[in-house]
Amino acid sequence: QSVFAKQMPDVSKIAVKTMPAADT
């Protein structure tokens, strides 16, 4: 269950669906 740096994925290459910031 523990994850250290070497087990981390390259987060810069992960495609994510982002939600827009609150417009108002």
mmCIF file of all heavy atoms, coordinates in Angstrom:
data_MODEL
# 
_entry.id   MODEL 
# 
loop_
_atom_site.group_PDB 
_atom_site.id 
_atom_site.type_symbol 
_atom_site.label_atom_id 
_atom_site.label_alt_id 
_atom_site.label_comp_id 
_atom_site.label_asym_id 
_atom_site.label_entity_id 
_atom_site.label_seq_id 
_atom_site.pdbx_PDB_ins_code 
_atom_site.Cartn_x 
_atom_site.Cartn_y 
_atom_site.Cartn_z 
_atom_site.occupancy 
_atom_site.B_iso_or_equiv 
_atom_site.pdbx_formal_charge 
_atom_site.auth_seq_id 
_atom_site.auth_comp_id 
_atom_site.auth_asym_id 
_atom_site.auth_atom_id 
_atom_site.pdbx_PDB_model_num 
ATOM 1   N N   . GLN A 1 1  ? 0.810   -1.227 0.000   1.00 0.00 ? 1  GLN A N   1 
ATOM 2   C CA  . GLN A 1 1  ? 0.000   0.000  0.000   1.00 0.00 ? 1  GLN A CA  1 
ATOM 3   C C   . GLN A 1 1  ? 0.840   1.273  0.000   1.00 0.00 ? 1  GLN A C   1 
ATOM 4   O O   . GLN A 1 1  ? 0.320   2.354  -0.251  1.00 0.00 ? 1  GLN A O   1 
ATOM 5   C CB  . GLN A 1 1  ? -0.931  0.032  1.219   1.00 0.00 ? 1  GLN A CB  1 
ATOM 6   C CG  . GLN A 1 1  ? -1.957  -1.077 1.249   1.00 0.00 ? 1  GLN A CG  1 
ATOM 7   C CD  . GLN A 1 1  ? -1.477  -2.215 2.137   1.00 0.00 ? 1  GLN A CD  1 
ATOM 8   O OE1 . GLN A 1 1  ? -0.276  -2.411 2.330   1.00 0.00 ? 1  GLN A OE1 1 
ATOM 9   N NE2 . GLN A 1 1  ? -2.416  -2.966 2.693   1.00 0.00 ? 1  GLN A NE2 1 
ATOM 10  N N   . SER A 1 2  ? 2.116   1.186  0.320   1.00 0.00 ? 2  SER A N   1 
ATOM 11  C CA  . SER A 1 2  ? 2.946   2.388  0.384   1.00 0.00 ? 2  SER A CA  1 
ATOM 12  C C   . SER A 1 2  ? 3.582   2.651  -0.981  1.00 0.00 ? 2  SER A C   1 
ATOM 13  O O   . SER A 1 2  ? 4.024   1.733  -1.671  1.00 0.00 ? 2  SER A O   1 
ATOM 14  C CB  . SER A 1 2  ? 4.027   2.263  1.469   1.00 0.00 ? 2  SER A CB  1 
ATOM 15  O OG  . SER A 1 2  ? 4.985   1.290  1.113   1.00 0.00 ? 2  SER A OG  1 
ATOM 16  N N   . VAL A 1 3  ? 3.605   3.928  -1.357  1.00 0.00 ? 3  VAL A N   1 
ATOM 17  C CA  . VAL A 1 3  ? 4.158   4.340  -2.649  1.00 0.00 ? 3  VAL A CA  1 
ATOM 18  C C   . VAL A 1 3  ? 5.215   5.404  -2.387  1.00 0.00 ? 3  VAL A C   1 
ATOM 19  O O   . VAL A 1 3  ? 4.928   6.435  -1.773  1.00 0.00 ? 3  VAL A O   1 
ATOM 20  C CB  . VAL A 1 3  ? 3.055   4.897  -3.570  1.00 0.00 ? 3  VAL A CB  1 
ATOM 21  C CG1 . VAL A 1 3  ? 3.660   5.420  -4.875  1.00 0.00 ? 3  VAL A CG1 1 
ATOM 22  C CG2 . VAL A 1 3  ? 2.002   3.838  -3.857  1.00 0.00 ? 3  VAL A CG2 1 
ATOM 23  N N   . PHE A 1 4  ? 6.413   5.148  -2.859  1.00 0.00 ? 4  PHE A N   1 
ATOM 24  C CA  . PHE A 1 4  ? 7.502   6.113  -2.761  1.00 0.00 ? 4  PHE A CA  1 
ATOM 25  C C   . PHE A 1 4  ? 7.828   6.628  -4.162  1.00 0.00 ? 4  PHE A C   1 
ATOM 26  O O   . PHE A 1 4  ? 7.165   6.276  -5.144  1.00 0.00 ? 4  PHE A O   1 
ATOM 27  C CB  . PHE A 1 4  ? 8.717   5.478  -2.086  1.00 0.00 ? 4  PHE A CB  1 
ATOM 28  C CG  . PHE A 1 4  ? 8.586   5.365  -0.582  1.00 0.00 ? 4  PHE A CG  1 
ATOM 29  C CD1 . PHE A 1 4  ? 7.623   4.544  -0.011  1.00 0.00 ? 4  PHE A CD1 1 
ATOM 30  C CD2 . PHE A 1 4  ? 9.429   6.077  0.258   1.00 0.00 ? 4  PHE A CD2 1 
ATOM 31  C CE1 . PHE A 1 4  ? 7.496   4.438  1.370   1.00 0.00 ? 4  PHE A CE1 1 
ATOM 32  C CE2 . PHE A 1 4  ? 9.310   5.985  1.646   1.00 0.00 ? 4  PHE A CE2 1 
ATOM 33  C CZ  . PHE A 1 4  ? 8.340   5.163  2.199   1.00 0.00 ? 4  PHE A CZ  1 
ATOM 34  N N   . ALA A 1 5  ? 8.836   7.470  -4.272  1.00 0.00 ? 5  ALA A N   1 
ATOM 35  C CA  . ALA A 1 5  ? 9.082   8.184  -5.532  1.00 0.00 ? 5  ALA A CA  1 
ATOM 36  C C   . ALA A 1 5  ? 9.290   7.251  -6.721  1.00 0.00 ? 5  ALA A C   1 
ATOM 37  O O   . ALA A 1 5  ? 8.786   7.504  -7.815  1.00 0.00 ? 5  ALA A O   1 
ATOM 38  C CB  . ALA A 1 5  ? 10.283  9.122  -5.372  1.00 0.00 ? 5  ALA A CB  1 
ATOM 39  N N   . LYS A 1 6  ? 10.048  6.180  -6.525  1.00 0.00 ? 6  LYS A N   1 
ATOM 40  C CA  . LYS A 1 6  ? 10.338  5.288  -7.652  1.00 0.00 ? 6  LYS A CA  1 
ATOM 41  C C   . LYS A 1 6  ? 9.107   4.536  -8.148  1.00 0.00 ? 6  LYS A C   1 
ATOM 42  O O   . LYS A 1 6  ? 9.100   4.053  -9.286  1.00 0.00 ? 6  LYS A O   1 
ATOM 43  C CB  . LYS A 1 6  ? 11.431  4.294  -7.270  1.00 0.00 ? 6  LYS A CB  1 
ATOM 44  C CG  . LYS A 1 6  ? 12.822  4.906  -7.187  1.00 0.00 ? 6  LYS A CG  1 
ATOM 45  C CD  . LYS A 1 6  ? 13.875  3.869  -6.848  1.00 0.00 ? 6  LYS A CD  1 
ATOM 46  C CE  . LYS A 1 6  ? 15.260  4.496  -6.794  1.00 0.00 ? 6  LYS A CE  1 
ATOM 47  N NZ  . LYS A 1 6  ? 16.315  3.510  -6.424  1.00 0.00 ? 6  LYS A NZ  1 
ATOM 48  N N   . GLN A 1 7  ? 8.076   4.420  -7.306  1.00 0.00 ? 7  GLN A N   1 
ATOM 49  C CA  . GLN A 1 7  ? 6.849   3.757  -7.742  1.00 0.00 ? 7  GLN A CA  1 
ATOM 50  C C   . GLN A 1 7  ? 5.839   4.733  -8.338  1.00 0.00 ? 7  GLN A C   1 
ATOM 51  O O   . GLN A 1 7  ? 4.777   4.332  -8.805  1.00 0.00 ? 7  GLN A O   1 
ATOM 52  C CB  . GLN A 1 7  ? 6.190   3.018  -6.569  1.00 0.00 ? 7  GLN A CB  1 
ATOM 53  C CG  . GLN A 1 7  ? 7.001   1.841  -6.044  1.00 0.00 ? 7  GLN A CG  1 
ATOM 54  C CD  . GLN A 1 7  ? 7.743   2.168  -4.770  1.00 0.00 ? 7  GLN A CD  1 
ATOM 55  O OE1 . GLN A 1 7  ? 7.211   2.815  -3.875  1.00 0.00 ? 7  GLN A OE1 1 
ATOM 56  N NE2 . GLN A 1 7  ? 8.978   1.730  -4.682  1.00 0.00 ? 7  GLN A NE2 1 
ATOM 57  N N   . MET A 1 8  ? 6.182   6.014  -8.325  1.00 0.00 ? 8  MET A N   1 
ATOM 58  C CA  . MET A 1 8  ? 5.269   7.020  -8.838  1.00 0.00 ? 8  MET A CA  1 
ATOM 59  C C   . MET A 1 8  ? 5.263   7.019  -10.367 1.00 0.00 ? 8  MET A C   1 
ATOM 60  O O   . MET A 1 8  ? 6.308   6.871  -11.000 1.00 0.00 ? 8  MET A O   1 
ATOM 61  C CB  . MET A 1 8  ? 5.666   8.413  -8.345  1.00 0.00 ? 8  MET A CB  1 
ATOM 62  C CG  . MET A 1 8  ? 5.375   8.665  -6.888  1.00 0.00 ? 8  MET A CG  1 
ATOM 63  S SD  . MET A 1 8  ? 3.616   8.978  -6.596  1.00 0.00 ? 8  MET A SD  1 
ATOM 64  C CE  . MET A 1 8  ? 3.489   10.659 -7.209  1.00 0.00 ? 8  MET A CE  1 
ATOM 65  N N   . PRO A 1 9  ? 4.086   7.194  -10.969 1.00 0.00 ? 9  PRO A N   1 
ATOM 66  C CA  . PRO A 1 9  ? 4.050   7.392  -12.421 1.00 0.00 ? 9  PRO A CA  1 
ATOM 67  C C   . PRO A 1 9  ? 4.560   8.779  -12.770 1.00 0.00 ? 9  PRO A C   1 
ATOM 68  O O   . PRO A 1 9  ? 4.718   9.625  -11.896 1.00 0.00 ? 9  PRO A O   1 
ATOM 69  C CB  . PRO A 1 9  ? 2.556   7.256  -12.743 1.00 0.00 ? 9  PRO A CB  1 
ATOM 70  C CG  . PRO A 1 9  ? 1.879   7.742  -11.499 1.00 0.00 ? 9  PRO A CG  1 
ATOM 71  C CD  . PRO A 1 9  ? 2.750   7.293  -10.360 1.00 0.00 ? 9  PRO A CD  1 
ATOM 72  N N   . ASP A 1 10 ? 4.836   9.000  -14.035 1.00 0.00 ? 10 ASP A N   1 
ATOM 73  C CA  . ASP A 1 10 ? 5.200   10.338 -14.498 1.00 0.00 ? 10 ASP A CA  1 
ATOM 74  C C   . ASP A 1 10 ? 3.906   11.142 -14.587 1.00 0.00 ? 10 ASP A C   1 
ATOM 75  O O   . ASP A 1 10 ? 3.156   11.044 -15.559 1.00 0.00 ? 10 ASP A O   1 
ATOM 76  C CB  . ASP A 1 10 ? 5.887   10.256 -15.862 1.00 0.00 ? 10 ASP A CB  1 
ATOM 77  C CG  . ASP A 1 10 ? 6.366   11.628 -16.356 1.00 0.00 ? 10 ASP A CG  1 
ATOM 78  O OD1 . ASP A 1 10 ? 5.982   12.637 -15.731 1.00 0.00 ? 10 ASP A OD1 1 
ATOM 79  O OD2 . ASP A 1 10 ? 7.105   11.681 -17.354 1.00 0.00 ? 10 ASP A OD2 1 
ATOM 80  N N   . VAL A 1 11 ? 3.639   11.932 -13.552 1.00 0.00 ? 11 VAL A N   1 
ATOM 81  C CA  . VAL A 1 11 ? 2.349   12.631 -13.488 1.00 0.00 ? 11 VAL A CA  1 
ATOM 82  C C   . VAL A 1 11 ? 2.187   13.641 -14.615 1.00 0.00 ? 11 VAL A C   1 
ATOM 83  O O   . VAL A 1 11 ? 1.062   13.992 -14.975 1.00 0.00 ? 11 VAL A O   1 
ATOM 84  C CB  . VAL A 1 11 ? 2.161   13.315 -12.111 1.00 0.00 ? 11 VAL A CB  1 
ATOM 85  C CG1 . VAL A 1 11 ? 2.107   12.292 -10.999 1.00 0.00 ? 11 VAL A CG1 1 
ATOM 86  C CG2 . VAL A 1 11 ? 3.275   14.322 -11.853 1.00 0.00 ? 11 VAL A CG2 1 
ATOM 87  N N   . SER A 1 12 ? 3.301   14.100 -15.190 1.00 0.00 ? 12 SER A N   1 
ATOM 88  C CA  . SER A 1 12 ? 3.203   15.075 -16.274 1.00 0.00 ? 12 SER A CA  1 
ATOM 89  C C   . SER A 1 12 ? 2.619   14.465 -17.538 1.00 0.00 ? 12 SER A C   1 
ATOM 90  O O   . SER A 1 12 ? 2.185   15.189 -18.446 1.00 0.00 ? 12 SER A O   1 
ATOM 91  C CB  . SER A 1 12 ? 4.577   15.672 -16.581 1.00 0.00 ? 12 SER A CB  1 
ATOM 92  O OG  . SER A 1 12 ? 5.438   14.702 -17.148 1.00 0.00 ? 12 SER A OG  1 
ATOM 93  N N   . LYS A 1 13 ? 2.607   13.124 -17.630 1.00 0.00 ? 13 LYS A N   1 
ATOM 94  C CA  . LYS A 1 13 ? 2.113   12.462 -18.831 1.00 0.00 ? 13 LYS A CA  1 
ATOM 95  C C   . LYS A 1 13 ? 0.738   11.825 -18.640 1.00 0.00 ? 13 LYS A C   1 
ATOM 96  O O   . LYS A 1 13 ? 0.234   11.144 -19.529 1.00 0.00 ? 13 LYS A O   1 
ATOM 97  C CB  . LYS A 1 13 ? 3.116   11.394 -19.282 1.00 0.00 ? 13 LYS A CB  1 
ATOM 98  C CG  . LYS A 1 13 ? 4.455   11.977 -19.710 1.00 0.00 ? 13 LYS A CG  1 
ATOM 99  C CD  . LYS A 1 13 ? 5.422   10.887 -20.153 1.00 0.00 ? 13 LYS A CD  1 
ATOM 100 C CE  . LYS A 1 13 ? 6.755   11.504 -20.593 1.00 0.00 ? 13 LYS A CE  1 
ATOM 101 N NZ  . LYS A 1 13 ? 7.737   10.458 -21.007 1.00 0.00 ? 13 LYS A NZ  1 
ATOM 102 N N   . ILE A 1 14 ? 0.139   12.048 -17.469 1.00 0.00 ? 14 ILE A N   1 
ATOM 103 C CA  . ILE A 1 14 ? -1.181  11.472 -17.209 1.00 0.00 ? 14 ILE A CA  1 
ATOM 104 C C   . ILE A 1 14 ? -2.245  12.400 -17.786 1.00 0.00 ? 14 ILE A C   1 
ATOM 105 O O   . ILE A 1 14 ? -2.283  13.592 -17.469 1.00 0.00 ? 14 ILE A O   1 
ATOM 106 C CB  . ILE A 1 14 ? -1.409  11.277 -15.700 1.00 0.00 ? 14 ILE A CB  1 
ATOM 107 C CG1 . ILE A 1 14 ? -0.393  10.277 -15.137 1.00 0.00 ? 14 ILE A CG1 1 
ATOM 108 C CG2 . ILE A 1 14 ? -2.828  10.784 -15.432 1.00 0.00 ? 14 ILE A CG2 1 
ATOM 109 C CD1 . ILE A 1 14 ? -0.500  10.091 -13.638 1.00 0.00 ? 14 ILE A CD1 1 
ATOM 110 N N   . ALA A 1 15 ? -3.110  11.843 -18.621 1.00 0.00 ? 15 ALA A N   1 
ATOM 111 C CA  . ALA A 1 15 ? -4.207  12.632 -19.179 1.00 0.00 ? 15 ALA A CA  1 
ATOM 112 C C   . ALA A 1 15 ? -5.336  12.692 -18.165 1.00 0.00 ? 15 ALA A C   1 
ATOM 113 O O   . ALA A 1 15 ? -5.809  11.662 -17.691 1.00 0.00 ? 15 ALA A O   1 
ATOM 114 C CB  . ALA A 1 15 ? -4.696  12.008 -20.480 1.00 0.00 ? 15 ALA A CB  1 
ATOM 115 N N   . VAL A 1 16 ? -5.744  13.877 -17.814 1.00 0.00 ? 16 VAL A N   1 
ATOM 116 C CA  . VAL A 1 16 ? -6.808  14.041 -16.829 1.00 0.00 ? 16 VAL A CA  1 
ATOM 117 C C   . VAL A 1 16 ? -7.863  14.981 -17.385 1.00 0.00 ? 16 VAL A C   1 
ATOM 118 O O   . VAL A 1 16 ? -7.583  15.871 -18.193 1.00 0.00 ? 16 VAL A O   1 
ATOM 119 C CB  . VAL A 1 16 ? -6.285  14.591 -15.487 1.00 0.00 ? 16 VAL A CB  1 
ATOM 120 C CG1 . VAL A 1 16 ? -5.358  13.607 -14.820 1.00 0.00 ? 16 VAL A CG1 1 
ATOM 121 C CG2 . VAL A 1 16 ? -5.598  15.931 -15.685 1.00 0.00 ? 16 VAL A CG2 1 
ATOM 122 N N   . LYS A 1 17 ? -9.077  14.784 -16.964 1.00 0.00 ? 17 LYS A N   1 
ATOM 123 C CA  . LYS A 1 17 ? -10.163 15.683 -17.323 1.00 0.00 ? 17 LYS A CA  1 
ATOM 124 C C   . LYS A 1 17 ? -10.274 16.717 -16.219 1.00 0.00 ? 17 LYS A C   1 
ATOM 125 O O   . LYS A 1 17 ? -10.586 16.392 -15.075 1.00 0.00 ? 17 LYS A O   1 
ATOM 126 C CB  . LYS A 1 17 ? -11.475 14.918 -17.470 1.00 0.00 ? 17 LYS A CB  1 
ATOM 127 C CG  . LYS A 1 17 ? -12.656 15.808 -17.874 1.00 0.00 ? 17 LYS A CG  1 
ATOM 128 C CD  . LYS A 1 17 ? -13.931 14.991 -17.998 1.00 0.00 ? 17 LYS A CD  1 
ATOM 129 C CE  . LYS A 1 17 ? -15.107 15.886 -18.370 1.00 0.00 ? 17 LYS A CE  1 
ATOM 130 N NZ  . LYS A 1 17 ? -16.374 15.098 -18.470 1.00 0.00 ? 17 LYS A NZ  1 
ATOM 131 N N   . THR A 1 18 ? -9.988  17.939 -16.533 1.00 0.00 ? 18 THR A N   1 
ATOM 132 C CA  . THR A 1 18 ? -9.997  18.987 -15.513 1.00 0.00 ? 18 THR A CA  1 
ATOM 133 C C   . THR A 1 18 ? -11.334 19.709 -15.510 1.00 0.00 ? 18 THR A C   1 
ATOM 134 O O   . THR A 1 18 ? -11.974 19.888 -16.552 1.00 0.00 ? 18 THR A O   1 
ATOM 135 C CB  . THR A 1 18 ? -8.880  20.007 -15.765 1.00 0.00 ? 18 THR A CB  1 
ATOM 136 O OG1 . THR A 1 18 ? -9.052  20.585 -17.064 1.00 0.00 ? 18 THR A OG1 1 
ATOM 137 C CG2 . THR A 1 18 ? -7.520  19.341 -15.702 1.00 0.00 ? 18 THR A CG2 1 
ATOM 138 N N   . MET A 1 19 ? -11.756 20.112 -14.332 1.00 0.00 ? 19 MET A N   1 
ATOM 139 C CA  . MET A 1 19 ? -12.965 20.905 -14.183 1.00 0.00 ? 19 MET A CA  1 
ATOM 140 C C   . MET A 1 19 ? -12.573 22.374 -14.160 1.00 0.00 ? 19 MET A C   1 
ATOM 141 O O   . MET A 1 19 ? -11.563 22.748 -13.560 1.00 0.00 ? 19 MET A O   1 
ATOM 142 C CB  . MET A 1 19 ? -13.680 20.537 -12.883 1.00 0.00 ? 19 MET A CB  1 
ATOM 143 C CG  . MET A 1 19 ? -14.160 19.097 -12.836 1.00 0.00 ? 19 MET A CG  1 
ATOM 144 S SD  . MET A 1 19 ? -15.411 18.749 -14.074 1.00 0.00 ? 19 MET A SD  1 
ATOM 145 C CE  . MET A 1 19 ? -16.781 19.688 -13.389 1.00 0.00 ? 19 MET A CE  1 
ATOM 146 N N   . PRO A 1 20 ? -13.329 23.234 -14.836 1.00 0.00 ? 20 PRO A N   1 
ATOM 147 C CA  . PRO A 1 20 ? -12.981 24.657 -14.821 1.00 0.00 ? 20 PRO A CA  1 
ATOM 148 C C   . PRO A 1 20 ? -13.139 25.242 -13.430 1.00 0.00 ? 20 PRO A C   1 
ATOM 149 O O   . PRO A 1 20 ? -13.962 24.782 -12.632 1.00 0.00 ? 20 PRO A O   1 
ATOM 150 C CB  . PRO A 1 20 ? -13.989 25.276 -15.792 1.00 0.00 ? 20 PRO A CB  1 
ATOM 151 C CG  . PRO A 1 20 ? -15.147 24.325 -15.793 1.00 0.00 ? 20 PRO A CG  1 
ATOM 152 C CD  . PRO A 1 20 ? -14.555 22.959 -15.597 1.00 0.00 ? 20 PRO A CD  1 
ATOM 153 N N   . ALA A 1 21 ? -12.323 26.233 -13.143 1.00 0.00 ? 21 ALA A N   1 
ATOM 154 C CA  . ALA A 1 21 ? -12.464 26.930 -11.867 1.00 0.00 ? 21 ALA A CA  1 
ATOM 155 C C   . ALA A 1 21 ? -13.816 27.639 -11.840 1.00 0.00 ? 21 ALA A C   1 
ATOM 156 O O   . ALA A 1 21 ? -14.444 27.857 -12.877 1.00 0.00 ? 21 ALA A O   1 
ATOM 157 C CB  . ALA A 1 21 ? -11.330 27.950 -11.710 1.00 0.00 ? 21 ALA A CB  1 
ATOM 158 N N   . ALA A 1 22 ? -14.260 27.949 -10.649 1.00 0.00 ? 22 ALA A N   1 
ATOM 159 C CA  . ALA A 1 22 ? -15.559 28.621 -10.522 1.00 0.00 ? 22 ALA A CA  1 
ATOM 160 C C   . ALA A 1 22 ? -15.552 29.918 -11.328 1.00 0.00 ? 22 ALA A C   1 
ATOM 161 O O   . ALA A 1 22 ? -14.710 30.790 -11.117 1.00 0.00 ? 22 ALA A O   1 
ATOM 162 C CB  . ALA A 1 22 ? -15.838 28.912 -9.053  1.00 0.00 ? 22 ALA A CB  1 
ATOM 163 N N   . ASP A 1 23 ? -16.479 30.015 -12.299 1.00 0.00 ? 23 ASP A N   1 
ATOM 164 C CA  . ASP A 1 23 ? -16.545 31.219 -13.119 1.00 0.00 ? 23 ASP A CA  1 
ATOM 165 C C   . ASP A 1 23 ? -16.925 32.438 -12.285 1.00 0.00 ? 23 ASP A C   1 
ATOM 166 O O   . ASP A 1 23 ? -16.455 33.540 -12.511 1.00 0.00 ? 23 ASP A O   1 
ATOM 167 C CB  . ASP A 1 23 ? -17.566 31.033 -14.245 1.00 0.00 ? 23 ASP A CB  1 
ATOM 168 C CG  . ASP A 1 23 ? -17.079 30.072 -15.323 1.00 0.00 ? 23 ASP A CG  1 
ATOM 169 O OD1 . ASP A 1 23 ? -15.859 29.957 -15.476 1.00 0.00 ? 23 ASP A OD1 1 
ATOM 170 O OD2 . ASP A 1 23 ? -17.927 29.453 -15.985 1.00 0.00 ? 23 ASP A OD2 1 
ATOM 171 N N   . THR A 1 24 ? -17.806 32.209 -11.335 1.00 0.00 ? 24 THR A N   1 
ATOM 172 C CA  . THR A 1 24 ? -18.297 33.307 -10.527 1.00 0.00 ? 24 THR A CA  1 
ATOM 173 C C   . THR A 1 24 ? -18.361 32.887 -9.061  1.00 0.00 ? 24 THR A C   1 
ATOM 174 O O   . THR A 1 24 ? -18.800 31.776 -8.763  1.00 0.00 ? 24 THR A O   1 
ATOM 175 C CB  . THR A 1 24 ? -19.709 33.734 -10.987 1.00 0.00 ? 24 THR A CB  1 
ATOM 176 O OG1 . THR A 1 24 ? -19.672 34.042 -12.376 1.00 0.00 ? 24 THR A OG1 1 
ATOM 177 C CG2 . THR A 1 24 ? -20.181 34.952 -10.221 1.00 0.00 ? 24 THR A CG2 1 
# 
